[in-house]
Amino acid sequence: MTFSATVLTLYPEMFPGPLGVSLAGRALSEGKWSMEPVHIRDFAKDKHRTVDDTPAGGGAGMVLKVDILAAAIDHARSANPGAPVIAMTPRGKPISQERVRQLADGPGVILLCGRFEGFDERIFDGREVEEVSVGDIVLSGGECAALMVLDACIRLLPGVMGAPSSGTEESFEDGLLEYPHYTRPTEWEGRTIPEVLRSGDHAKIAAWRKQQAQDDTRSRRPDLWERHRDARVQPASGARRTKKDLGS
């Protein structure tokens, strides 16, 4: 089964963009995944190919029309009925590595890219659409966010990355940030590679890397560390342990 990506956008010329080079580009040319950019204006109903209108209730900007969005989604679903539809929007749930792995294991994805002030809210009631955010930022449109999500998925597809472990020993895969890396030269401007990494003792190296991942996560991403810590102390029954249970 080939991972199939359909991108609903007002700027189809932006795709495959950076996904046409490097590992993703090679995988695309080898048929490990496929992509179809679809122009949302193709579903407009007037001679001017209008896709937006003024906000109900007034306000600045324009809003993408629900009937046009629905027609575009229906078209994409007819070609890949098993693929989830994901709308790129800062109002969505932050994307996670766990969700990326779920998507990469599936038949593909349909990505809906917003522009202007966003989508008519009724599209989320009238169609099964998952709202996803790539961060607490606002972009000019959903295309760059869609490229990020696709890149995260494609690199996990079988045969895309060289070493099988490349996709598992990374940030977020086990709920932690990745440990720091070093390479030659051994010394640079008075800074040396940590001695343990030059010891040849694989057990000590593994322990050092685990500790570094924990320390960096705790200091740089306390939110991530709290989720990781909570997951570690979760009892088999699924009930949360109390501070008394943890001895604190």
C-alpha atoms as a PDB file:
ATOM      1  CA  MET A   1       0.000   0.000   0.000  1.00  0.00           C
ATOM      2  CA  THR A   2       1.415   3.352  -1.060  1.00  0.00           C
ATOM      3  CA  PHE A   3       1.029   6.304   1.287  1.00  0.00           C
ATOM      4  CA  SER A   4      -1.079   8.806  -0.656  1.00  0.00           C
ATOM      5  CA  ALA A   5      -1.111  12.519   0.170  1.00  0.00           C
ATOM      6  CA  THR A   6      -3.774  14.845  -1.198  1.00  0.00           C
ATOM      7  CA  VAL A   7      -3.358  18.547  -0.484  1.00  0.00           C
ATOM      8  CA  LEU A   8      -6.341  20.863  -0.889  1.00  0.00           C
ATOM      9  CA  THR A   9      -4.872  24.305  -1.427  1.00  0.00           C
ATOM     10  CA  LEU A  10      -5.168  27.633  -3.221  1.00  0.00           C
ATOM     11  CA  TYR A  11      -1.479  27.329  -4.153  1.00  0.00           C
ATOM     12  CA  PRO A  12      -0.882  23.867  -5.660  1.00  0.00           C
ATOM     13  CA  GLU A  13       2.404  25.103  -7.138  1.00  0.00           C
ATOM     14  CA  MET A  14       3.878  24.993  -3.616  1.00  0.00           C
ATOM     15  CA  PHE A  15       3.880  21.173  -3.767  1.00  0.00           C
ATOM     16  CA  PRO A  16       5.855  18.975  -3.579  1.00  0.00           C
ATOM     17  CA  GLY A  17       8.255  21.874  -2.894  1.00  0.00           C
ATOM     18  CA  PRO A  18      10.963  20.737  -0.459  1.00  0.00           C
ATOM     19  CA  LEU A  19       9.396  17.277  -0.394  1.00  0.00           C
ATOM     20  CA  GLY A  20      10.662  16.817  -3.936  1.00  0.00           C
ATOM     21  CA  VAL A  21      14.298  16.664  -2.812  1.00  0.00           C
ATOM     22  CA  SER A  22      16.453  14.644  -0.398  1.00  0.00           C
ATOM     23  CA  LEU A  23      14.977  11.504   1.194  1.00  0.00           C
ATOM     24  CA  ALA A  24      11.350  12.455   0.573  1.00  0.00           C
ATOM     25  CA  GLY A  25      12.053  13.362  -3.061  1.00  0.00           C
ATOM     26  CA  ARG A  26      13.850  10.103  -3.730  1.00  0.00           C
ATOM     27  CA  ALA A  27      11.052   8.156  -2.070  1.00  0.00           C
ATOM     28  CA  LEU A  28       8.518  10.053  -4.195  1.00  0.00           C
ATOM     29  CA  SER A  29      10.354   9.178  -7.420  1.00  0.00           C
ATOM     30  CA  GLU A  30      10.616   5.546  -6.285  1.00  0.00           C
ATOM     31  CA  GLY A  31       6.874   5.348  -5.689  1.00  0.00           C
ATOM     32  CA  LYS A  32       7.092   4.857  -1.925  1.00  0.00           C
ATOM     33  CA  TRP A  33       4.505   7.620  -1.562  1.00  0.00           C
ATOM     34  CA  SER A  34       2.420   9.769  -3.883  1.00  0.00           C
ATOM     35  CA  MET A  35       1.116  13.312  -3.870  1.00  0.00           C
ATOM     36  CA  GLU A  36      -1.739  15.142  -5.567  1.00  0.00           C
ATOM     37  CA  PRO A  37      -2.133  18.895  -5.009  1.00  0.00           C
ATOM     38  CA  VAL A  38      -5.751  19.867  -5.676  1.00  0.00           C
ATOM     39  CA  HIS A  39      -6.758  23.472  -6.382  1.00  0.00           C
ATOM     40  CA  ILE A  40      -9.683  24.510  -4.186  1.00  0.00           C
ATOM     41  CA  ARG A  41     -10.780  27.028  -6.849  1.00  0.00           C
ATOM     42  CA  ASP A  42     -11.622  24.109  -9.145  1.00  0.00           C
ATOM     43  CA  PHE A  43     -14.743  23.620  -7.013  1.00  0.00           C
ATOM     44  CA  ALA A  44     -15.970  27.206  -7.212  1.00  0.00           C
ATOM     45  CA  LYS A  45     -19.392  27.696  -8.767  1.00  0.00           C
ATOM     46  CA  ASP A  46     -19.064  31.077 -10.462  1.00  0.00           C
ATOM     47  CA  LYS A  47     -17.056  32.370 -13.411  1.00  0.00           C
ATOM     48  CA  HIS A  48     -14.737  34.271 -11.089  1.00  0.00           C
ATOM     49  CA  ARG A  49     -13.883  31.044  -9.197  1.00  0.00           C
ATOM     50  CA  THR A  50     -14.751  32.654  -5.873  1.00  0.00           C
ATOM     51  CA  VAL A  51     -13.755  30.659  -2.814  1.00  0.00           C
ATOM     52  CA  ASP A  52     -14.211  33.184   0.008  1.00  0.00           C
ATOM     53  CA  ASP A  53     -16.637  35.766   1.353  1.00  0.00           C
ATOM     54  CA  THR A  54     -16.857  38.395   4.098  1.00  0.00           C
ATOM     55  CA  PRO A  55     -17.217  37.198   7.722  1.00  0.00           C
ATOM     56  CA  ALA A  56     -20.733  36.894   9.088  1.00  0.00           C
ATOM     57  CA  GLY A  57     -21.141  39.527  11.789  1.00  0.00           C
ATOM     58  CA  GLY A  58     -18.521  41.778  10.201  1.00  0.00           C
ATOM     59  CA  GLY A  59     -14.799  42.061  10.726  1.00  0.00           C
ATOM     60  CA  ALA A  60     -11.591  42.119   8.751  1.00  0.00           C
ATOM     61  CA  GLY A  61     -10.495  39.585   6.178  1.00  0.00           C
ATOM     62  CA  MET A  62     -12.300  36.879   4.269  1.00  0.00           C
ATOM     63  CA  VAL A  63     -13.486  33.384   5.144  1.00  0.00           C
ATOM     64  CA  LEU A  64     -13.266  30.248   2.985  1.00  0.00           C
ATOM     65  CA  LYS A  65     -16.754  29.183   1.887  1.00  0.00           C
ATOM     66  CA  VAL A  66     -18.164  25.991   3.386  1.00  0.00           C
ATOM     67  CA  ASP A  67     -19.798  24.706   0.194  1.00  0.00           C
ATOM     68  CA  ILE A  68     -16.548  25.015  -1.751  1.00  0.00           C
ATOM     69  CA  LEU A  69     -14.556  23.317   1.005  1.00  0.00           C
ATOM     70  CA  ALA A  70     -17.074  20.480   1.241  1.00  0.00           C
ATOM     71  CA  ALA A  71     -16.918  19.846  -2.510  1.00  0.00           C
ATOM     72  CA  ALA A  72     -13.114  19.723  -2.415  1.00  0.00           C
ATOM     73  CA  ILE A  73     -13.116  17.331   0.548  1.00  0.00           C
ATOM     74  CA  ASP A  74     -15.722  15.062  -1.057  1.00  0.00           C
ATOM     75  CA  HIS A  75     -13.617  14.892  -4.210  1.00  0.00           C
ATOM     76  CA  ALA A  76     -10.485  13.943  -2.269  1.00  0.00           C
ATOM     77  CA  ARG A  77     -12.316  11.349  -0.176  1.00  0.00           C
ATOM     78  CA  SER A  78     -13.738   9.663  -3.241  1.00  0.00           C
ATOM     79  CA  ALA A  79     -10.180   8.963  -4.405  1.00  0.00           C
ATOM     80  CA  ASN A  80      -8.874   7.843  -0.995  1.00  0.00           C
ATOM     81  CA  PRO A  81     -11.845   7.023   1.261  1.00  0.00           C
ATOM     82  CA  GLY A  82      -9.670   5.616   4.049  1.00  0.00           C
ATOM     83  CA  ALA A  83      -7.506   8.705   4.506  1.00  0.00           C
ATOM     84  CA  PRO A  84      -8.271  11.128   7.348  1.00  0.00           C
ATOM     85  CA  VAL A  85      -8.933  14.752   6.469  1.00  0.00           C
ATOM     86  CA  ILE A  86      -6.774  17.154   8.448  1.00  0.00           C
ATOM     87  CA  ALA A  87      -7.256  20.917   8.435  1.00  0.00           C
ATOM     88  CA  MET A  88      -4.161  22.959   9.208  1.00  0.00           C
ATOM     89  CA  THR A  89      -5.234  25.646  11.670  1.00  0.00           C
ATOM     90  CA  PRO A  90      -3.774  27.338  14.781  1.00  0.00           C
ATOM     91  CA  ARG A  91      -7.074  26.498  16.487  1.00  0.00           C
ATOM     92  CA  GLY A  92      -6.340  22.798  16.173  1.00  0.00           C
ATOM     93  CA  LYS A  93      -4.808  20.255  18.518  1.00  0.00           C
ATOM     94  CA  PRO A  94      -0.990  20.350  18.476  1.00  0.00           C
ATOM     95  CA  ILE A  95       0.404  17.593  16.273  1.00  0.00           C
ATOM     96  CA  SER A  96       2.413  14.946  18.113  1.00  0.00           C
ATOM     97  CA  GLN A  97       4.921  12.321  17.058  1.00  0.00           C
ATOM     98  CA  GLU A  98       2.444   9.674  18.171  1.00  0.00           C
ATOM     99  CA  ARG A  99      -0.190  11.065  15.791  1.00  0.00           C
ATOM    100  CA  VAL A 100       2.386  11.293  12.995  1.00  0.00           C
ATOM    101  CA  ARG A 101       3.201   7.598  13.436  1.00  0.00           C
ATOM    102  CA  GLN A 102      -0.497   6.755  13.256  1.00  0.00           C
ATOM    103  CA  LEU A 103      -0.814   8.684  10.008  1.00  0.00           C
ATOM    104  CA  ALA A 104       2.327   7.110   8.524  1.00  0.00           C
ATOM    105  CA  ASP A 105       0.926   3.645   9.269  1.00  0.00           C
ATOM    106  CA  GLY A 106      -2.259   4.410   7.359  1.00  0.00           C
ATOM    107  CA  PRO A 107      -3.204   4.740   3.677  1.00  0.00           C
ATOM    108  CA  GLY A 108      -2.340   8.424   3.534  1.00  0.00           C
ATOM    109  CA  VAL A 109      -3.803  11.770   4.444  1.00  0.00           C
ATOM    110  CA  ILE A 110      -5.899  14.590   2.984  1.00  0.00           C
ATOM    111  CA  LEU A 111      -4.586  17.970   4.102  1.00  0.00           C
ATOM    112  CA  LEU A 112      -6.800  21.046   3.942  1.00  0.00           C
ATOM    113  CA  CYS A 113      -4.826  24.292   3.806  1.00  0.00           C
ATOM    114  CA  GLY A 114      -6.498  27.453   5.011  1.00  0.00           C
ATOM    115  CA  ARG A 115      -5.960  31.039   3.903  1.00  0.00           C
ATOM    116  CA  PHE A 116      -7.365  34.444   4.798  1.00  0.00           C
ATOM    117  CA  GLU A 117      -9.241  34.334   8.152  1.00  0.00           C
ATOM    118  CA  GLY A 118      -9.691  30.580   7.964  1.00  0.00           C
ATOM    119  CA  PHE A 119     -12.555  28.148   7.432  1.00  0.00           C
ATOM    120  CA  ASP A 120     -16.298  28.496   7.763  1.00  0.00           C
ATOM    121  CA  GLU A 121     -16.808  26.610  11.057  1.00  0.00           C
ATOM    122  CA  ARG A 122     -19.655  24.561   9.613  1.00  0.00           C
ATOM    123  CA  ILE A 123     -17.190  22.447   7.644  1.00  0.00           C
ATOM    124  CA  PHE A 124     -16.169  20.747  10.912  1.00  0.00           C
ATOM    125  CA  ASP A 125     -19.786  19.901  11.697  1.00  0.00           C
ATOM    126  CA  GLY A 126     -20.712  18.816   8.182  1.00  0.00           C
ATOM    127  CA  ARG A 127     -17.622  16.750   7.399  1.00  0.00           C
ATOM    128  CA  GLU A 128     -15.309  14.600   9.515  1.00  0.00           C
ATOM    129  CA  VAL A 129     -12.284  16.906   9.654  1.00  0.00           C
ATOM    130  CA  GLU A 130      -9.493  16.829  12.236  1.00  0.00           C
ATOM    131  CA  GLU A 131      -8.120  20.236  13.221  1.00  0.00           C
ATOM    132  CA  VAL A 132      -4.340  20.227  13.691  1.00  0.00           C
ATOM    133  CA  SER A 133      -1.801  22.895  14.667  1.00  0.00           C
ATOM    134  CA  VAL A 134       1.979  22.783  14.228  1.00  0.00           C
ATOM    135  CA  GLY A 135       2.620  25.306  16.997  1.00  0.00           C
ATOM    136  CA  ASP A 136       1.490  28.460  18.734  1.00  0.00           C
ATOM    137  CA  ILE A 137       2.194  30.614  15.695  1.00  0.00           C
ATOM    138  CA  VAL A 138       0.148  32.105  12.860  1.00  0.00           C
ATOM    139  CA  LEU A 139       1.243  31.479   9.264  1.00  0.00           C
ATOM    140  CA  SER A 140       0.062  33.099   6.044  1.00  0.00           C
ATOM    141  CA  GLY A 141      -1.591  29.827   5.100  1.00  0.00           C
ATOM    142  CA  GLY A 142      -1.685  26.133   5.864  1.00  0.00           C
ATOM    143  CA  GLU A 143       0.696  25.079   3.118  1.00  0.00           C
ATOM    144  CA  CYS A 144       3.917  25.340   5.149  1.00  0.00           C
ATOM    145  CA  ALA A 145       2.268  23.496   8.013  1.00  0.00           C
ATOM    146  CA  ALA A 146       1.084  20.784   5.621  1.00  0.00           C
ATOM    147  CA  LEU A 147       4.642  20.350   4.337  1.00  0.00           C
ATOM    148  CA  MET A 148       5.829  19.880   7.925  1.00  0.00           C
ATOM    149  CA  VAL A 149       3.235  17.215   8.661  1.00  0.00           C
ATOM    150  CA  LEU A 150       3.952  15.376   5.423  1.00  0.00           C
ATOM    151  CA  ASP A 151       7.709  15.468   5.977  1.00  0.00           C
ATOM    152  CA  ALA A 152       7.222  14.001   9.460  1.00  0.00           C
ATOM    153  CA  CYS A 153       5.103  11.179   8.005  1.00  0.00           C
ATOM    154  CA  ILE A 154       7.150  10.379   4.927  1.00  0.00           C
ATOM    155  CA  ARG A 155      10.435   9.880   6.751  1.00  0.00           C
ATOM    156  CA  LEU A 156       8.755   7.099   8.758  1.00  0.00           C
ATOM    157  CA  LEU A 157       7.578   5.148   5.722  1.00  0.00           C
ATOM    158  CA  PRO A 158       9.329   1.797   5.130  1.00  0.00           C
ATOM    159  CA  GLY A 159      12.530   2.175   3.144  1.00  0.00           C
ATOM    160  CA  VAL A 160      12.708   5.985   3.289  1.00  0.00           C
ATOM    161  CA  MET A 161      15.339   6.322   6.004  1.00  0.00           C
ATOM    162  CA  GLY A 162      18.556   4.334   5.791  1.00  0.00           C
ATOM    163  CA  ALA A 163      18.926   2.933   9.328  1.00  0.00           C
ATOM    164  CA  PRO A 164      15.778   1.423  10.886  1.00  0.00           C
ATOM    165  CA  SER A 165      16.741   2.919  14.258  1.00  0.00           C
ATOM    166  CA  SER A 166      16.911   6.443  12.800  1.00  0.00           C
ATOM    167  CA  GLY A 167      13.208   6.918  13.392  1.00  0.00           C
ATOM    168  CA  THR A 168      13.112   5.599  16.953  1.00  0.00           C
ATOM    169  CA  GLU A 169      16.084   7.176  18.736  1.00  0.00           C
ATOM    170  CA  GLU A 170      14.838  10.720  18.301  1.00  0.00           C
ATOM    171  CA  SER A 171      13.089  13.482  20.168  1.00  0.00           C
ATOM    172  CA  PHE A 172       9.513  12.712  21.263  1.00  0.00           C
ATOM    173  CA  GLU A 173       9.633   9.027  20.298  1.00  0.00           C
ATOM    174  CA  ASP A 174       9.798   7.946  23.951  1.00  0.00           C
ATOM    175  CA  GLY A 175       8.326  11.122  25.400  1.00  0.00           C
ATOM    176  CA  LEU A 176      11.719  12.809  25.825  1.00  0.00           C
ATOM    177  CA  LEU A 177      13.956  15.135  23.867  1.00  0.00           C
ATOM    178  CA  GLU A 178      16.809  13.388  22.104  1.00  0.00           C
ATOM    179  CA  TYR A 179      20.228  13.203  23.755  1.00  0.00           C
ATOM    180  CA  PRO A 180      23.017  15.481  22.376  1.00  0.00           C
ATOM    181  CA  HIS A 181      25.298  14.312  19.561  1.00  0.00           C
ATOM    182  CA  TYR A 182      29.012  14.776  18.852  1.00  0.00           C
ATOM    183  CA  THR A 183      31.468  13.833  16.108  1.00  0.00           C
ATOM    184  CA  ARG A 184      35.102  14.474  15.111  1.00  0.00           C
ATOM    185  CA  PRO A 185      37.208  16.467  15.735  1.00  0.00           C
ATOM    186  CA  THR A 186      37.538  15.265  19.327  1.00  0.00           C
ATOM    187  CA  GLU A 187      38.578  18.739  20.458  1.00  0.00           C
ATOM    188  CA  TRP A 188      37.305  22.033  19.034  1.00  0.00           C
ATOM    189  CA  GLU A 189      38.112  25.457  20.489  1.00  0.00           C
ATOM    190  CA  GLY A 190      38.943  23.851  23.818  1.00  0.00           C
ATOM    191  CA  ARG A 191      35.716  21.857  23.939  1.00  0.00           C
ATOM    192  CA  THR A 192      36.013  18.073  23.910  1.00  0.00           C
ATOM    193  CA  ILE A 193      33.624  15.222  23.246  1.00  0.00           C
ATOM    194  CA  PRO A 194      32.435  13.792  26.601  1.00  0.00           C
ATOM    195  CA  GLU A 195      34.818  11.081  27.743  1.00  0.00           C
ATOM    196  CA  VAL A 196      32.091   8.482  28.162  1.00  0.00           C
ATOM    197  CA  LEU A 197      31.352   8.631  24.406  1.00  0.00           C
ATOM    198  CA  ARG A 198      34.987   7.772  23.735  1.00  0.00           C
ATOM    199  CA  SER A 199      35.113   4.919  26.248  1.00  0.00           C
ATOM    200  CA  GLY A 200      33.768   2.162  24.035  1.00  0.00           C
ATOM    201  CA  ASP A 201      31.592   0.992  26.946  1.00  0.00           C
ATOM    202  CA  HIS A 202      28.179   0.675  25.314  1.00  0.00           C
ATOM    203  CA  ALA A 203      26.309   0.202  28.594  1.00  0.00           C
ATOM    204  CA  LYS A 204      27.795   3.387  30.045  1.00  0.00           C
ATOM    205  CA  ILE A 205      27.099   5.256  26.796  1.00  0.00           C
ATOM    206  CA  ALA A 206      23.448   4.135  26.815  1.00  0.00           C
ATOM    207  CA  ALA A 207      23.065   5.196  30.451  1.00  0.00           C
ATOM    208  CA  TRP A 208      24.690   8.577  29.754  1.00  0.00           C
ATOM    209  CA  ARG A 209      22.421   9.210  26.774  1.00  0.00           C
ATOM    210  CA  LYS A 210      19.322   8.306  28.768  1.00  0.00           C
ATOM    211  CA  GLN A 211      20.345  10.647  31.579  1.00  0.00           C
ATOM    212  CA  GLN A 212      21.103  13.483  29.155  1.00  0.00           C
ATOM    213  CA  ALA A 213      17.703  13.033  27.485  1.00  0.00           C
ATOM    214  CA  GLN A 214      15.988  13.218  30.850  1.00  0.00           C
ATOM    215  CA  ASP A 215      18.008  16.222  32.049  1.00  0.00           C
ATOM    216  CA  ASP A 216      17.509  18.180  28.833  1.00  0.00           C
ATOM    217  CA  THR A 217      13.786  17.442  28.756  1.00  0.00           C
ATOM    218  CA  ARG A 218      13.397  18.487  32.379  1.00  0.00           C
ATOM    219  CA  SER A 219      15.208  21.809  31.847  1.00  0.00           C
ATOM    220  CA  ARG A 220      14.111  22.720  28.314  1.00  0.00           C
ATOM    221  CA  ARG A 221      10.588  21.283  28.138  1.00  0.00           C
ATOM    222  CA  PRO A 222       9.119  20.975  31.633  1.00  0.00           C
ATOM    223  CA  ASP A 223       5.689  20.384  30.103  1.00  0.00           C
ATOM    224  CA  LEU A 224       7.016  17.378  28.194  1.00  0.00           C
ATOM    225  CA  TRP A 225       8.865  16.134  31.261  1.00  0.00           C
ATOM    226  CA  GLU A 226       5.711  16.237  33.385  1.00  0.00           C
ATOM    227  CA  ARG A 227       3.805  14.176  30.827  1.00  0.00           C
ATOM    228  CA  HIS A 228       6.681  11.693  30.617  1.00  0.00           C
ATOM    229  CA  ARG A 229       6.915  11.474  34.412  1.00  0.00           C
ATOM    230  CA  ASP A 230       3.187  10.957  34.763  1.00  0.00           C
ATOM    231  CA  ALA A 231       3.283   8.206  32.136  1.00  0.00           C
ATOM    232  CA  ARG A 232       6.097   6.420  33.959  1.00  0.00           C
ATOM    233  CA  VAL A 233       4.263   6.345  37.276  1.00  0.00           C
ATOM    234  CA  GLN A 234       0.876   5.395  35.832  1.00  0.00           C
ATOM    235  CA  PRO A 235      -0.153   2.073  37.452  1.00  0.00           C
ATOM    236  CA  ALA A 236      -1.206  -0.886  35.326  1.00  0.00           C
ATOM    237  CA  SER A 237      -4.843  -0.356  36.309  1.00  0.00           C
ATOM    238  CA  GLY A 238      -4.749   3.079  34.629  1.00  0.00           C
ATOM    239  CA  ALA A 239      -5.516   4.929  37.864  1.00  0.00           C
ATOM    240  CA  ARG A 240      -3.333   7.914  38.720  1.00  0.00           C
ATOM    241  CA  ARG A 241      -1.063   7.469  41.719  1.00  0.00           C
ATOM    242  CA  THR A 242      -1.198  10.050  44.478  1.00  0.00           C
ATOM    243  CA  LYS A 243       1.760  11.928  45.895  1.00  0.00           C
ATOM    244  CA  LYS A 244       1.538   9.618  48.901  1.00  0.00           C
ATOM    245  CA  ASP A 245       1.846   6.586  46.607  1.00  0.00           C
ATOM    246  CA  LEU A 246       4.974   8.158  45.063  1.00  0.00           C
ATOM    247  CA  GLY A 247       6.538   8.766  48.434  1.00  0.00           C
ATOM    248  CA  SER A 248       6.574  12.561  48.000  1.00  0.00           C
END
